[in-house]
Each structure stands twice: as structure tokens, then as C-alpha cells.
Amino acid sequence: MKKYLTAGIALFAVVALAACSNNSSQTQASSSSASQSSSSSSEASSSSSTVDSSSTESSSSSASEKTETDVTLLTDAEIDNAKTVGDYKKLYETMINNYLKHANEIGKRLPASAKASYDEQIEQMKSTLDSSKQTFDSSLSQLGSDTTEIPATVRDSLASTLKTTNQTAASMLQQAYDALS
């Protein structure tokens, strides 16, 4: 029962993060459209936002084998390389698609007794994430077309928010995988 509760909490946390991410992008988009500044390129050092499960211990006393799962939604390098409105829209969509891929994989590992409830949660989450993506895209569109380069100050703030959301979502998924190990 604890495993299913943990998986459900992980899903809820990511949906909440998606809502927070949208809130941040709306603020950034409106502040940027109020004062358009010239953009300059700045490269940040990249690191991976990968959560490695090899250092995690399983508290289960069952004889089942622990499977090593590497949860990567987006890398910091991908986020750092994004410059345009279209780049950020694609990144957000990729993060959501990768999240859903992992969430579906977690669902496959659940016993049949918990699967129906989990699938219902996934469907609700898909709807929330789709709405979140539409809001994110709409907010970014206030900056211009998909080919518009986002000003560096806004881009830095947007990248920071996206990295935090990405890392937290990956961590939550990792916890759900670990709970099922």
C-alpha cells in the first residue's frame, strides 16, 4: 500500500510543479514584453539532471531483483542551449512526454489490483499537463513567434525555473521507481 501511495504522491507533486512552472513563465513573459531588450548569448556550464538509482537502497524484504532505472527528462545542456520561444516550447513538450513515458512504465510495474486507480490518476494528470503546456506555450508566445530569440535576462530566469522543475520531476519519478523496487 505504501508503494502505491508514494507513486500517487509523486504524480501529484509533478502536476503541482507543472502549475508552478506555468506561473513563473507567465510572469517572465509579461515582464519581458513590457521591456524588450537586446539579447546576448551566454553559455552556461552544463551538467546532467539525471537521477541515478544505483546509490539508492531498497527497503523491501522481498526477493525480487532491483532494477536500475535512470530517469532523465531533459539535460541541463539542452536547457542551456535553448534560445528561442520555439526552443523552450519544444523543451517543455519533451519534458512532459518523457515524464509520461516514465509514468506509464511505472504503471506497467504495478500489480493488477492497483493498476485501475493508477491509470485513472494518469489520465487526470495527462489532462492537467496538456493544459499546463497550452498555458506555457501561450505565455511564451507573448514574446513573439517561435523564431524570436528570448532576451538573456528572461532566458536565464526561464532556464533556471525549467531546470528546477525538471530535476524535481525526475527525482519524484525516481522515488516512485524506487518504491516499486
N, C-alpha and C. Protein backbone atom coordinates (compact mmCIF):
# COMPACT_ATOMS: atom_id res chain seq x y z
N MET A 1 0.83 -1.19 0.00
CA MET A 1 0.00 0.00 0.00
C MET A 1 0.88 1.25 0.00
N LYS A 2 1.97 1.22 0.77
CA LYS A 2 2.87 2.37 0.85
C LYS A 2 3.46 2.68 -0.53
N LYS A 3 3.76 1.64 -1.31
CA LYS A 3 4.33 1.83 -2.64
C LYS A 3 3.37 2.59 -3.55
N TYR A 4 2.10 2.25 -3.49
CA TYR A 4 1.11 2.89 -4.36
C TYR A 4 0.88 4.33 -3.93
N LEU A 5 0.87 4.56 -2.63
CA LEU A 5 0.70 5.91 -2.12
C LEU A 5 1.87 6.78 -2.55
N THR A 6 3.08 6.25 -2.48
CA THR A 6 4.27 7.00 -2.90
C THR A 6 4.20 7.34 -4.39
N ALA A 7 3.79 6.38 -5.20
CA ALA A 7 3.67 6.64 -6.64
C ALA A 7 2.62 7.72 -6.90
N GLY A 8 1.51 7.66 -6.20
CA GLY A 8 0.47 8.68 -6.35
C GLY A 8 0.92 10.05 -5.92
N ILE A 9 1.66 10.11 -4.83
CA ILE A 9 2.18 11.40 -4.34
C ILE A 9 3.18 11.97 -5.34
N ALA A 10 3.99 11.11 -5.91
CA ALA A 10 4.97 11.57 -6.91
C ALA A 10 4.26 12.18 -8.10
N LEU A 11 3.18 11.56 -8.56
CA LEU A 11 2.43 12.10 -9.69
C LEU A 11 1.81 13.45 -9.34
N PHE A 12 1.24 13.54 -8.15
CA PHE A 12 0.63 14.79 -7.72
C PHE A 12 1.66 15.91 -7.64
N ALA A 13 2.84 15.59 -7.14
CA ALA A 13 3.90 16.60 -6.99
C ALA A 13 4.32 17.15 -8.35
N VAL A 14 4.40 16.31 -9.35
CA VAL A 14 4.83 16.78 -10.67
C VAL A 14 3.75 17.67 -11.29
N VAL A 15 2.49 17.31 -11.09
CA VAL A 15 1.41 18.16 -11.60
C VAL A 15 1.48 19.53 -10.93
N ALA A 16 1.73 19.55 -9.62
CA ALA A 16 1.86 20.82 -8.91
C ALA A 16 3.05 21.61 -9.44
N LEU A 17 4.14 20.93 -9.74
CA LEU A 17 5.32 21.60 -10.29
C LEU A 17 5.03 22.20 -11.67
N ALA A 18 4.27 21.48 -12.45
CA ALA A 18 3.92 22.00 -13.78
C ALA A 18 3.12 23.29 -13.64
N ALA A 19 2.22 23.33 -12.69
CA ALA A 19 1.43 24.54 -12.47
C ALA A 19 2.34 25.69 -12.02
N CYS A 20 3.28 25.40 -11.14
CA CYS A 20 4.21 26.43 -10.68
C CYS A 20 5.08 26.92 -11.83
N SER A 21 5.51 26.02 -12.68
CA SER A 21 6.34 26.39 -13.82
C SER A 21 5.58 27.32 -14.75
N ASN A 22 4.31 27.06 -14.96
CA ASN A 22 3.50 27.92 -15.82
C ASN A 22 3.35 29.30 -15.20
N ASN A 23 3.16 29.36 -13.91
CA ASN A 23 3.03 30.63 -13.22
C ASN A 23 4.29 31.47 -13.42
N SER A 24 5.43 30.85 -13.30
CA SER A 24 6.70 31.55 -13.46
C SER A 24 6.89 32.04 -14.89
N SER A 25 6.51 31.22 -15.87
CA SER A 25 6.70 31.62 -17.27
C SER A 25 5.77 32.76 -17.64
N GLN A 26 4.58 32.83 -17.05
CA GLN A 26 3.67 33.93 -17.32
C GLN A 26 4.26 35.23 -16.81
N THR A 27 4.82 35.21 -15.61
CA THR A 27 5.44 36.40 -15.04
C THR A 27 6.61 36.85 -15.89
N GLN A 28 7.44 35.91 -16.32
CA GLN A 28 8.61 36.24 -17.12
C GLN A 28 8.20 36.80 -18.48
N ALA A 29 7.19 36.21 -19.09
CA ALA A 29 6.75 36.67 -20.40
C ALA A 29 6.18 38.08 -20.32
N SER A 30 5.39 38.36 -19.31
CA SER A 30 4.80 39.70 -19.22
C SER A 30 5.84 40.74 -18.87
N SER A 31 6.82 40.40 -18.05
CA SER A 31 7.85 41.38 -17.73
C SER A 31 8.75 41.63 -18.93
N SER A 32 8.94 40.60 -19.76
CA SER A 32 9.78 40.77 -20.94
C SER A 32 9.08 41.57 -22.02
N SER A 33 7.79 41.35 -22.20
CA SER A 33 7.09 42.08 -23.25
C SER A 33 6.93 43.55 -22.87
N ALA A 34 7.01 43.86 -21.59
CA ALA A 34 6.92 45.24 -21.16
C ALA A 34 8.21 45.99 -21.52
N SER A 35 9.33 45.32 -21.47
CA SER A 35 10.59 45.98 -21.83
C SER A 35 11.44 45.02 -22.64
N GLN A 36 11.35 45.09 -23.95
CA GLN A 36 12.14 44.24 -24.82
C GLN A 36 13.58 44.77 -24.84
N SER A 37 14.51 43.92 -24.55
CA SER A 37 15.90 44.34 -24.58
C SER A 37 16.63 43.50 -25.61
N SER A 38 17.80 43.96 -26.02
CA SER A 38 18.56 43.18 -26.99
C SER A 38 19.12 41.96 -26.29
N SER A 39 19.19 40.86 -27.03
CA SER A 39 19.68 39.63 -26.42
C SER A 39 21.13 39.40 -26.74
N SER A 40 21.79 38.82 -25.76
CA SER A 40 23.18 38.42 -25.97
C SER A 40 23.30 36.97 -25.59
N SER A 41 24.18 36.29 -26.27
CA SER A 41 24.35 34.87 -25.99
C SER A 41 25.30 34.68 -24.84
N SER A 42 24.93 33.83 -23.94
CA SER A 42 25.83 33.46 -22.86
C SER A 42 25.70 31.98 -22.64
N GLU A 43 26.81 31.32 -22.64
CA GLU A 43 26.81 29.89 -22.44
C GLU A 43 27.08 29.57 -20.98
N ALA A 44 26.27 28.71 -20.43
CA ALA A 44 26.45 28.28 -19.05
C ALA A 44 27.03 26.88 -19.06
N SER A 45 27.72 26.53 -18.02
CA SER A 45 28.25 25.18 -17.97
C SER A 45 27.10 24.22 -17.79
N SER A 46 27.21 23.08 -18.42
CA SER A 46 26.09 22.16 -18.36
C SER A 46 26.44 20.96 -17.50
N SER A 47 25.40 20.53 -16.87
CA SER A 47 25.52 19.30 -16.10
C SER A 47 24.24 18.52 -16.31
N SER A 48 24.27 17.29 -16.04
CA SER A 48 23.12 16.46 -16.30
C SER A 48 22.17 16.48 -15.12
N SER A 49 20.88 16.51 -15.41
CA SER A 49 19.89 16.46 -14.35
C SER A 49 19.38 15.04 -14.22
N THR A 50 20.31 14.14 -14.25
CA THR A 50 19.97 12.74 -14.18
C THR A 50 19.99 12.28 -12.73
N VAL A 51 19.01 11.49 -12.39
CA VAL A 51 18.96 10.92 -11.06
C VAL A 51 19.36 9.47 -11.21
N ASP A 52 20.43 9.09 -10.56
CA ASP A 52 20.95 7.73 -10.68
C ASP A 52 20.45 6.89 -9.52
N SER A 53 19.80 5.80 -9.84
CA SER A 53 19.22 4.99 -8.79
C SER A 53 20.20 3.97 -8.23
N SER A 54 21.40 3.92 -8.72
CA SER A 54 22.32 2.89 -8.25
C SER A 54 22.75 3.11 -6.80
N SER A 55 22.62 4.33 -6.29
CA SER A 55 23.03 4.58 -4.91
C SER A 55 21.86 4.50 -3.95
N THR A 56 20.69 4.17 -4.44
CA THR A 56 19.51 4.11 -3.61
C THR A 56 19.34 2.71 -3.05
N GLU A 57 18.98 2.63 -1.77
CA GLU A 57 18.79 1.33 -1.15
C GLU A 57 17.32 0.96 -1.15
N SER A 58 17.04 -0.28 -1.29
CA SER A 58 15.66 -0.75 -1.26
C SER A 58 15.33 -1.21 0.14
N SER A 59 14.15 -0.80 0.63
CA SER A 59 13.75 -1.21 1.97
C SER A 59 12.88 -2.45 1.91
N SER A 60 12.66 -2.97 0.74
CA SER A 60 11.83 -4.14 0.57
C SER A 60 12.58 -5.39 1.00
N SER A 61 11.86 -6.28 1.64
CA SER A 61 12.50 -7.53 2.08
C SER A 61 12.18 -8.67 1.11
N SER A 62 11.52 -8.35 0.01
CA SER A 62 11.18 -9.40 -0.94
C SER A 62 12.43 -9.82 -1.71
N ALA A 63 12.33 -10.95 -2.35
CA ALA A 63 13.46 -11.49 -3.09
C ALA A 63 13.52 -10.96 -4.52
N SER A 64 12.63 -10.03 -4.83
CA SER A 64 12.62 -9.52 -6.20
C SER A 64 13.88 -8.71 -6.47
N GLU A 65 14.34 -8.79 -7.72
CA GLU A 65 15.54 -8.09 -8.12
C GLU A 65 15.27 -6.61 -8.30
N LYS A 66 16.17 -5.79 -7.85
CA LYS A 66 16.02 -4.35 -8.03
C LYS A 66 16.49 -4.00 -9.43
N THR A 67 15.63 -3.28 -10.14
CA THR A 67 16.03 -2.86 -11.48
C THR A 67 16.54 -1.44 -11.41
N GLU A 68 17.63 -1.23 -12.09
CA GLU A 68 18.25 0.10 -12.10
C GLU A 68 17.57 0.93 -13.18
N THR A 69 17.03 2.07 -12.77
CA THR A 69 16.33 2.94 -13.71
C THR A 69 16.96 4.31 -13.66
N ASP A 70 17.32 4.81 -14.82
CA ASP A 70 17.93 6.12 -14.94
C ASP A 70 16.87 7.07 -15.47
N VAL A 71 16.44 8.02 -14.62
CA VAL A 71 15.39 8.95 -15.01
C VAL A 71 16.02 10.24 -15.51
N THR A 72 15.87 10.49 -16.81
CA THR A 72 16.33 11.74 -17.41
C THR A 72 15.19 12.28 -18.24
N LEU A 73 14.71 13.45 -17.89
CA LEU A 73 13.66 14.09 -18.67
C LEU A 73 14.28 15.05 -19.68
N LEU A 74 15.12 15.95 -19.18
CA LEU A 74 15.90 16.87 -20.01
C LEU A 74 17.28 16.99 -19.38
N THR A 75 18.28 17.31 -20.17
CA THR A 75 19.59 17.58 -19.61
C THR A 75 19.75 19.10 -19.45
N ASP A 76 20.62 19.50 -18.55
CA ASP A 76 20.90 20.92 -18.37
C ASP A 76 21.45 21.52 -19.66
N ALA A 77 22.22 20.75 -20.41
CA ALA A 77 22.78 21.23 -21.67
C ALA A 77 21.66 21.57 -22.66
N GLU A 78 20.64 20.72 -22.73
CA GLU A 78 19.51 21.00 -23.62
C GLU A 78 18.83 22.32 -23.22
N ILE A 79 18.65 22.50 -21.93
CA ILE A 79 18.01 23.72 -21.44
C ILE A 79 18.89 24.94 -21.71
N ASP A 80 20.18 24.81 -21.43
CA ASP A 80 21.11 25.93 -21.63
C ASP A 80 21.23 26.33 -23.10
N ASN A 81 21.05 25.39 -24.01
CA ASN A 81 21.18 25.67 -25.44
C ASN A 81 19.93 26.29 -26.04
N ALA A 82 18.83 26.31 -25.32
CA ALA A 82 17.59 26.89 -25.83
C ALA A 82 17.72 28.41 -25.87
N LYS A 83 17.34 28.98 -26.99
CA LYS A 83 17.46 30.43 -27.17
C LYS A 83 16.15 31.08 -27.59
N THR A 84 15.34 30.35 -28.36
CA THR A 84 14.15 30.96 -28.94
C THR A 84 12.88 30.49 -28.22
N VAL A 85 11.80 31.18 -28.53
CA VAL A 85 10.49 30.82 -27.98
C VAL A 85 10.17 29.37 -28.37
N GLY A 86 10.42 29.03 -29.63
CA GLY A 86 10.16 27.67 -30.11
C GLY A 86 11.01 26.62 -29.40
N ASP A 87 12.27 26.97 -29.10
CA ASP A 87 13.15 26.04 -28.38
C ASP A 87 12.55 25.69 -27.02
N TYR A 88 12.07 26.69 -26.30
CA TYR A 88 11.50 26.45 -24.97
C TYR A 88 10.18 25.69 -25.04
N LYS A 89 9.39 25.97 -26.05
CA LYS A 89 8.14 25.22 -26.22
C LYS A 89 8.45 23.74 -26.44
N LYS A 90 9.45 23.46 -27.29
CA LYS A 90 9.84 22.07 -27.57
C LYS A 90 10.39 21.39 -26.32
N LEU A 91 11.20 22.12 -25.56
CA LEU A 91 11.76 21.55 -24.33
C LEU A 91 10.67 21.16 -23.34
N TYR A 92 9.70 22.05 -23.16
CA TYR A 92 8.62 21.77 -22.21
C TYR A 92 7.81 20.56 -22.67
N GLU A 93 7.56 20.49 -23.98
CA GLU A 93 6.82 19.35 -24.52
C GLU A 93 7.62 18.06 -24.34
N THR A 94 8.92 18.12 -24.58
CA THR A 94 9.79 16.95 -24.40
C THR A 94 9.80 16.50 -22.94
N MET A 95 9.88 17.45 -22.02
CA MET A 95 9.87 17.10 -20.60
C MET A 95 8.57 16.39 -20.23
N ILE A 96 7.44 16.91 -20.71
CA ILE A 96 6.15 16.29 -20.42
C ILE A 96 6.08 14.89 -21.05
N ASN A 97 6.48 14.77 -22.30
CA ASN A 97 6.44 13.46 -22.97
C ASN A 97 7.33 12.43 -22.27
N ASN A 98 8.52 12.84 -21.86
CA ASN A 98 9.42 11.92 -21.14
C ASN A 98 8.85 11.56 -19.78
N TYR A 99 8.21 12.53 -19.12
CA TYR A 99 7.58 12.25 -17.84
C TYR A 99 6.47 11.21 -18.01
N LEU A 100 5.63 11.41 -19.01
CA LEU A 100 4.52 10.48 -19.24
C LEU A 100 5.04 9.09 -19.61
N LYS A 101 6.14 9.03 -20.36
CA LYS A 101 6.74 7.74 -20.71
C LYS A 101 7.14 6.99 -19.43
N HIS A 102 7.79 7.69 -18.52
CA HIS A 102 8.20 7.05 -17.25
C HIS A 102 6.99 6.71 -16.39
N ALA A 103 6.00 7.59 -16.36
CA ALA A 103 4.79 7.32 -15.56
C ALA A 103 4.08 6.08 -16.09
N ASN A 104 4.04 5.91 -17.40
CA ASN A 104 3.43 4.71 -17.98
C ASN A 104 4.24 3.46 -17.65
N GLU A 105 5.57 3.60 -17.66
CA GLU A 105 6.43 2.47 -17.29
C GLU A 105 6.20 2.07 -15.83
N ILE A 106 6.05 3.05 -14.96
CA ILE A 106 5.75 2.76 -13.55
C ILE A 106 4.43 2.01 -13.46
N GLY A 107 3.44 2.46 -14.24
CA GLY A 107 2.13 1.80 -14.23
C GLY A 107 2.21 0.34 -14.64
N LYS A 108 3.10 0.02 -15.57
CA LYS A 108 3.26 -1.37 -16.01
C LYS A 108 3.81 -2.26 -14.90
N ARG A 109 4.51 -1.66 -13.96
CA ARG A 109 5.13 -2.42 -12.87
C ARG A 109 4.19 -2.64 -11.69
N LEU A 110 3.06 -1.98 -11.71
CA LEU A 110 2.11 -2.12 -10.60
C LEU A 110 1.33 -3.42 -10.72
N PRO A 111 0.92 -3.97 -9.59
CA PRO A 111 0.07 -5.16 -9.64
C PRO A 111 -1.31 -4.79 -10.19
N ALA A 112 -2.01 -5.76 -10.71
CA ALA A 112 -3.31 -5.53 -11.34
C ALA A 112 -4.29 -4.83 -10.39
N SER A 113 -4.21 -5.12 -9.11
CA SER A 113 -5.14 -4.53 -8.14
C SER A 113 -5.00 -3.01 -8.03
N ALA A 114 -3.84 -2.48 -8.31
CA ALA A 114 -3.61 -1.04 -8.19
C ALA A 114 -3.63 -0.34 -9.55
N LYS A 115 -3.63 -1.10 -10.62
CA LYS A 115 -3.49 -0.53 -11.96
C LYS A 115 -4.65 0.38 -12.36
N ALA A 116 -5.88 0.00 -12.07
CA ALA A 116 -7.04 0.79 -12.49
C ALA A 116 -7.01 2.18 -11.85
N SER A 117 -6.71 2.23 -10.59
CA SER A 117 -6.64 3.51 -9.88
C SER A 117 -5.50 4.37 -10.42
N TYR A 118 -4.38 3.73 -10.65
CA TYR A 118 -3.21 4.44 -11.18
C TYR A 118 -3.50 4.99 -12.57
N ASP A 119 -4.11 4.18 -13.43
CA ASP A 119 -4.44 4.62 -14.78
C ASP A 119 -5.39 5.81 -14.76
N GLU A 120 -6.31 5.82 -13.81
CA GLU A 120 -7.22 6.95 -13.67
C GLU A 120 -6.44 8.21 -13.29
N GLN A 121 -5.48 8.08 -12.37
CA GLN A 121 -4.63 9.21 -11.99
C GLN A 121 -3.81 9.71 -13.18
N ILE A 122 -3.31 8.80 -13.98
CA ILE A 122 -2.51 9.16 -15.16
C ILE A 122 -3.37 9.96 -16.14
N GLU A 123 -4.59 9.52 -16.37
CA GLU A 123 -5.47 10.24 -17.30
C GLU A 123 -5.75 11.66 -16.81
N GLN A 124 -5.98 11.82 -15.52
CA GLN A 124 -6.19 13.15 -14.96
C GLN A 124 -4.93 14.00 -15.10
N MET A 125 -3.79 13.37 -14.86
CA MET A 125 -2.52 14.07 -14.96
C MET A 125 -2.25 14.50 -16.40
N LYS A 126 -2.56 13.64 -17.38
CA LYS A 126 -2.37 13.99 -18.79
C LYS A 126 -3.17 15.24 -19.13
N SER A 127 -4.39 15.29 -18.65
CA SER A 127 -5.23 16.46 -18.90
C SER A 127 -4.63 17.72 -18.28
N THR A 128 -4.15 17.60 -17.07
CA THR A 128 -3.53 18.73 -16.38
C THR A 128 -2.25 19.17 -17.08
N LEU A 129 -1.44 18.21 -17.50
CA LEU A 129 -0.20 18.54 -18.18
C LEU A 129 -0.46 19.16 -19.56
N ASP A 130 -1.50 18.69 -20.24
CA ASP A 130 -1.86 19.28 -21.54
C ASP A 130 -2.27 20.73 -21.35
N SER A 131 -3.07 20.98 -20.34
CA SER A 131 -3.48 22.36 -20.03
C SER A 131 -2.27 23.21 -19.65
N SER A 132 -1.37 22.61 -18.89
CA SER A 132 -0.15 23.29 -18.48
C SER A 132 0.70 23.67 -19.70
N LYS A 133 0.81 22.76 -20.66
CA LYS A 133 1.59 23.02 -21.87
C LYS A 133 0.95 24.15 -22.68
N GLN A 134 -0.36 24.14 -22.79
CA GLN A 134 -1.04 25.19 -23.53
C GLN A 134 -0.80 26.55 -22.89
N THR A 135 -0.86 26.61 -21.56
CA THR A 135 -0.63 27.86 -20.84
C THR A 135 0.82 28.31 -21.02
N PHE A 136 1.76 27.37 -20.93
CA PHE A 136 3.18 27.67 -21.10
C PHE A 136 3.43 28.23 -22.51
N ASP A 137 2.90 27.54 -23.51
CA ASP A 137 3.08 27.98 -24.90
C ASP A 137 2.46 29.36 -25.12
N SER A 138 1.29 29.57 -24.58
CA SER A 138 0.61 30.85 -24.72
C SER A 138 1.42 31.98 -24.08
N SER A 139 1.97 31.70 -22.91
CA SER A 139 2.78 32.70 -22.21
C SER A 139 4.03 33.05 -23.01
N LEU A 140 4.68 32.04 -23.54
CA LEU A 140 5.88 32.29 -24.33
C LEU A 140 5.56 33.00 -25.65
N SER A 141 4.41 32.74 -26.20
CA SER A 141 4.01 33.38 -27.45
C SER A 141 3.88 34.89 -27.30
N GLN A 142 3.71 35.37 -26.09
CA GLN A 142 3.64 36.80 -25.85
C GLN A 142 4.97 37.48 -26.18
N LEU A 143 6.03 36.69 -26.20
CA LEU A 143 7.36 37.23 -26.51
C LEU A 143 7.58 37.35 -28.01
N GLY A 144 6.80 36.65 -28.79
CA GLY A 144 6.95 36.69 -30.25
C GLY A 144 6.73 35.33 -30.87
N SER A 145 7.10 35.21 -32.13
CA SER A 145 6.94 33.94 -32.85
C SER A 145 7.96 32.92 -32.33
N ASP A 146 7.83 31.70 -32.81
CA ASP A 146 8.73 30.62 -32.38
C ASP A 146 10.19 30.90 -32.71
N THR A 147 10.46 31.75 -33.68
CA THR A 147 11.84 32.06 -34.06
C THR A 147 12.42 33.24 -33.30
N THR A 148 11.60 33.88 -32.45
CA THR A 148 12.06 35.03 -31.68
C THR A 148 13.03 34.58 -30.59
N GLU A 149 14.20 35.22 -30.55
CA GLU A 149 15.17 34.91 -29.51
C GLU A 149 14.74 35.60 -28.21
N ILE A 150 14.74 34.85 -27.14
CA ILE A 150 14.32 35.37 -25.84
C ILE A 150 15.48 36.17 -25.25
N PRO A 151 15.19 37.37 -24.72
CA PRO A 151 16.25 38.18 -24.10
C PRO A 151 16.97 37.39 -23.00
N ALA A 152 18.26 37.62 -22.88
CA ALA A 152 19.11 36.85 -21.97
C ALA A 152 18.60 36.84 -20.54
N THR A 153 18.15 37.97 -20.03
CA THR A 153 17.69 38.02 -18.63
C THR A 153 16.47 37.14 -18.42
N VAL A 154 15.56 37.17 -19.36
CA VAL A 154 14.35 36.34 -19.25
C VAL A 154 14.73 34.88 -19.46
N ARG A 155 15.61 34.64 -20.42
CA ARG A 155 16.05 33.28 -20.73
C ARG A 155 16.72 32.63 -19.52
N ASP A 156 17.57 33.38 -18.83
CA ASP A 156 18.25 32.84 -17.64
C ASP A 156 17.25 32.44 -16.57
N SER A 157 16.27 33.30 -16.35
CA SER A 157 15.25 33.02 -15.34
C SER A 157 14.38 31.83 -15.76
N LEU A 158 14.00 31.78 -17.02
CA LEU A 158 13.19 30.69 -17.54
C LEU A 158 13.96 29.36 -17.48
N ALA A 159 15.24 29.41 -17.83
CA ALA A 159 16.08 28.20 -17.78
C ALA A 159 16.21 27.69 -16.35
N SER A 160 16.38 28.60 -15.42
CA SER A 160 16.51 28.21 -14.00
C SER A 160 15.23 27.52 -13.51
N THR A 161 14.09 28.11 -13.86
CA THR A 161 12.81 27.52 -13.45
C THR A 161 12.61 26.15 -14.10
N LEU A 162 12.94 26.04 -15.38
CA LEU A 162 12.79 24.78 -16.08
C LEU A 162 13.72 23.70 -15.52
N LYS A 163 14.94 24.09 -15.16
CA LYS A 163 15.88 23.13 -14.56
C LYS A 163 15.35 22.63 -13.23
N THR A 164 14.84 23.53 -12.41
CA THR A 164 14.31 23.14 -11.10
C THR A 164 13.13 22.19 -11.27
N THR A 165 12.22 22.54 -12.16
CA THR A 165 11.06 21.69 -12.42
C THR A 165 11.49 20.33 -12.94
N ASN A 166 12.42 20.32 -13.87
CA ASN A 166 12.95 19.09 -14.46
C ASN A 166 13.59 18.20 -13.39
N GLN A 167 14.43 18.78 -12.57
CA GLN A 167 15.13 17.99 -11.54
C GLN A 167 14.16 17.45 -10.50
N THR A 168 13.18 18.25 -10.12
CA THR A 168 12.21 17.79 -9.13
C THR A 168 11.33 16.69 -9.71
N ALA A 169 10.90 16.84 -10.95
CA ALA A 169 10.08 15.81 -11.59
C ALA A 169 10.86 14.50 -11.73
N ALA A 170 12.13 14.59 -12.14
CA ALA A 170 12.97 13.40 -12.27
C ALA A 170 13.16 12.72 -10.91
N SER A 171 13.34 13.52 -9.88
CA SER A 171 13.51 12.98 -8.53
C SER A 171 12.24 12.27 -8.06
N MET A 172 11.09 12.86 -8.34
CA MET A 172 9.81 12.24 -7.95
C MET A 172 9.60 10.91 -8.69
N LEU A 173 9.92 10.89 -9.96
CA LEU A 173 9.80 9.64 -10.71
C LEU A 173 10.75 8.59 -10.15
N GLN A 174 11.97 9.02 -9.82
CA GLN A 174 12.94 8.07 -9.27
C GLN A 174 12.43 7.48 -7.96
N GLN A 175 11.81 8.32 -7.13
CA GLN A 175 11.25 7.82 -5.87
C GLN A 175 10.14 6.81 -6.12
N ALA A 176 9.33 7.06 -7.15
CA ALA A 176 8.27 6.10 -7.48
C ALA A 176 8.87 4.79 -7.96
N TYR A 177 9.90 4.85 -8.82
CA TYR A 177 10.57 3.62 -9.26
C TYR A 177 11.16 2.88 -8.06
N ASP A 178 11.81 3.63 -7.18
CA ASP A 178 12.43 3.00 -6.00
C ASP A 178 11.40 2.34 -5.09
N ALA A 179 10.24 2.98 -4.96
CA ALA A 179 9.19 2.42 -4.11
C ALA A 179 8.68 1.09 -4.67
N LEU A 180 8.77 0.91 -5.96
CA LEU A 180 8.30 -0.32 -6.58
C LEU A 180 9.38 -1.39 -6.67
N SER A 181 10.60 -1.03 -6.32
CA SER A 181 11.71 -2.00 -6.40
C SER A 181 11.64 -3.00 -5.29
